Amino acid sequence: MSYHFPSKLLEEAVNEFSKLPGIGSKTALRLVLHLLRQSPAESESLGNAIIRLRNEIKYCSVCHNISDADTCQICSDPSRDRQIICVVENIRDVMSIENTRQHKGIYHVLGGIISPMDGIGPGDLTIASLEMKAGKGEVREIIFALPTTMEGDTTCFYIYR
């Protein structure tokens, strides 16, 4: 649906919101109008949170999870078993597994899975640092928590090989 906007600023904001996944132009307009009804401080708080997220977020130097520091809370936790690594596709997978409170080891976030159709090859993932971890001889078990798709199986096989 195309709208006639009374303001270029409104149109620009709606266009930016509609770039987010799952947000169409109707939802984008609803969100922008909601923000206009909020106090300037509340809208500013949202804007600042987004800017800080982009400028200050780090990726853990050990597992590639999102972190506020160079090493994430999971890798920094001395109670975690560093001999068990759970290999996942993305950060959402870490969050899902952590919510179960069942995994006591650490993680390795690949940043995707091998998908030639999407132009993603082994070099686009963090496989090299996983190989380095495993090559040190300190890892007892690697758990592959990847999708049960052809791409997930290909990624598992490639890493296993």
Protein backbone atom coordinates (compact mmCIF):
# COMPACT_ATOMS: atom_id res chain seq x y z
CA MET A 1 0.00 0.00 0.00
CA SER A 2 1.35 3.40 -0.94
CA TYR A 3 0.71 6.43 1.25
CA HIS A 4 0.68 10.12 0.52
CA PHE A 5 2.77 11.56 3.33
CA PRO A 6 2.16 15.09 4.61
CA SER A 7 5.80 15.29 5.70
CA LYS A 8 9.09 14.18 4.18
CA LEU A 9 10.38 13.40 7.69
CA LEU A 10 7.41 11.09 8.31
CA GLU A 11 7.95 9.38 4.95
CA GLU A 12 11.66 8.93 5.65
CA ALA A 13 10.99 7.40 9.08
CA VAL A 14 8.35 5.03 7.67
CA ASN A 15 10.73 3.98 4.88
CA GLU A 16 13.49 3.23 7.40
CA PHE A 17 11.21 1.23 9.72
CA SER A 18 9.82 -0.77 6.80
CA LYS A 19 13.37 -1.99 6.03
CA LEU A 20 13.25 -4.04 9.24
CA PRO A 21 12.37 -7.74 8.84
CA GLY A 22 8.67 -8.44 9.24
CA ILE A 23 7.73 -4.75 9.16
CA GLY A 24 5.58 -3.69 6.25
CA SER A 25 4.60 -0.13 5.42
CA LYS A 26 1.38 -0.28 7.50
CA THR A 27 3.21 -1.46 10.62
CA ALA A 28 6.03 1.02 9.97
CA LEU A 29 3.52 3.87 9.80
CA ARG A 30 1.83 2.66 13.01
CA LEU A 31 5.21 2.55 14.82
CA VAL A 32 6.25 6.00 13.60
CA LEU A 33 2.92 7.55 14.59
CA HIS A 34 3.25 5.88 18.00
CA LEU A 35 6.70 7.44 18.44
CA LEU A 36 5.26 10.85 17.57
CA ARG A 37 2.73 10.45 20.39
CA GLN A 38 5.49 9.67 22.89
CA SER A 39 7.42 12.28 24.78
CA PRO A 40 10.59 13.49 23.07
CA ALA A 41 12.61 11.86 25.86
CA GLU A 42 11.09 8.42 25.15
CA SER A 43 11.75 8.69 21.41
CA GLU A 44 15.25 9.95 22.09
CA SER A 45 15.86 7.01 24.41
CA LEU A 46 14.95 4.57 21.60
CA GLY A 47 17.17 6.39 19.12
CA ASN A 48 20.09 6.47 21.54
CA ALA A 49 19.70 2.76 22.32
CA ILE A 50 19.93 1.94 18.60
CA ILE A 51 22.96 4.21 18.09
CA ARG A 52 24.73 2.74 21.15
CA LEU A 53 23.93 -0.79 19.95
CA ARG A 54 25.58 -0.17 16.58
CA ASN A 55 28.56 1.75 17.97
CA GLU A 56 29.35 -0.19 21.14
CA ILE A 57 28.37 -3.83 20.57
CA LYS A 58 31.27 -6.25 20.41
CA TYR A 59 31.67 -9.83 19.32
CA CYS A 60 33.27 -12.20 21.82
CA SER A 61 36.87 -12.93 20.88
CA VAL A 62 36.39 -16.54 22.03
CA CYS A 63 33.00 -17.65 20.68
CA HIS A 64 31.78 -14.79 18.42
CA ASN A 65 28.64 -14.20 20.51
CA ILE A 66 27.36 -10.65 20.96
CA SER A 67 28.87 -9.00 24.00
CA ASP A 68 29.39 -5.71 25.79
CA ALA A 69 33.03 -6.66 26.46
CA ASP A 70 35.79 -8.37 24.46
CA THR A 71 34.84 -11.68 26.08
CA CYS A 72 31.16 -12.54 26.60
CA GLN A 73 29.60 -13.46 29.94
CA ILE A 74 29.41 -17.14 29.00
CA CYS A 75 33.09 -17.44 28.05
CA SER A 76 34.07 -15.39 31.12
CA ASP A 77 32.13 -17.66 33.48
CA PRO A 78 34.64 -19.90 35.31
CA SER A 79 31.94 -22.50 36.01
CA ARG A 80 31.49 -23.26 32.28
CA ASP A 81 33.12 -26.42 30.91
CA ARG A 82 35.52 -25.24 28.21
CA GLN A 83 36.04 -28.80 27.01
CA ILE A 84 32.50 -28.87 25.57
CA ILE A 85 31.72 -26.59 22.64
CA CYS A 86 28.26 -26.22 21.18
CA VAL A 87 28.50 -25.06 17.56
CA VAL A 88 25.55 -22.90 16.49
CA GLU A 89 24.57 -20.96 13.40
CA ASN A 90 23.80 -17.61 15.04
CA ILE A 91 23.38 -15.63 18.24
CA ARG A 92 19.66 -16.44 18.50
CA ASP A 93 20.63 -20.10 18.82
CA VAL A 94 22.87 -19.29 21.80
CA MET A 95 19.99 -17.41 23.43
CA SER A 96 17.57 -20.30 22.83
CA ILE A 97 19.91 -22.93 24.23
CA GLU A 98 20.85 -20.74 27.20
CA ASN A 99 17.14 -20.33 28.03
CA THR A 100 16.96 -24.11 28.59
CA ARG A 101 19.75 -23.87 31.20
CA GLN A 102 20.93 -27.35 30.09
CA HIS A 103 24.23 -26.63 28.34
CA LYS A 104 27.13 -26.17 30.75
CA GLY A 105 29.86 -25.74 28.15
CA ILE A 106 30.72 -22.83 25.88
CA TYR A 107 29.59 -21.97 22.36
CA HIS A 108 30.99 -21.24 18.95
CA VAL A 109 28.87 -19.01 16.71
CA LEU A 110 29.54 -19.71 13.03
CA GLY A 111 27.73 -16.63 11.78
CA GLY A 112 25.71 -18.65 9.27
CA ILE A 113 25.82 -21.98 7.48
CA ILE A 114 27.34 -23.05 4.18
CA SER A 115 24.87 -22.22 1.43
CA PRO A 116 26.23 -22.07 -2.12
CA MET A 117 22.83 -20.87 -3.39
CA ASP A 118 23.17 -17.80 -1.13
CA GLY A 119 26.86 -17.38 -1.92
CA ILE A 120 27.99 -18.40 1.59
CA GLY A 121 31.05 -20.59 1.64
CA PRO A 122 33.25 -21.92 4.46
CA GLY A 123 35.44 -18.81 4.27
CA ASP A 124 32.47 -16.62 5.20
CA LEU A 125 32.02 -18.42 8.54
CA THR A 126 34.14 -18.57 11.70
CA ILE A 127 35.25 -22.15 11.01
CA ALA A 128 38.99 -21.34 11.18
CA SER A 129 38.81 -20.19 14.81
CA LEU A 130 36.81 -23.31 15.70
CA GLU A 131 39.52 -25.45 14.12
CA MET A 132 42.14 -23.58 16.16
CA LYS A 133 40.21 -24.23 19.40
CA ALA A 134 39.79 -27.91 18.60
CA GLY A 135 43.40 -28.21 17.46
CA LYS A 136 44.74 -27.22 20.87
CA GLY A 137 43.65 -30.61 22.24
CA GLU A 138 41.65 -29.13 25.12
CA VAL A 139 38.23 -29.88 23.62
CA ARG A 140 36.60 -33.15 24.72
CA GLU A 141 33.28 -32.79 22.90
CA ILE A 142 31.82 -30.73 20.06
CA ILE A 143 28.04 -30.56 19.82
CA PHE A 144 26.61 -29.48 16.47
CA ALA A 145 23.36 -27.59 17.06
CA LEU A 146 22.82 -26.65 13.42
CA PRO A 147 19.63 -26.80 11.35
CA THR A 148 18.61 -30.21 10.01
CA THR A 149 18.62 -28.90 6.45
CA MET A 150 20.85 -29.73 3.52
CA GLU A 151 22.88 -26.57 4.30
CA GLY A 152 23.15 -27.47 8.00
CA ASP A 153 24.22 -31.03 7.15
CA THR A 154 26.75 -29.71 4.62
CA THR A 155 28.19 -27.38 7.26
CA CYS A 156 28.42 -30.22 9.82
CA PHE A 157 30.11 -32.49 7.29
CA TYR A 158 32.56 -29.80 6.23
CA ILE A 159 33.58 -29.05 9.82
CA TYR A 160 33.77 -32.75 10.70
CA ARG A 161 36.00 -33.39 7.72
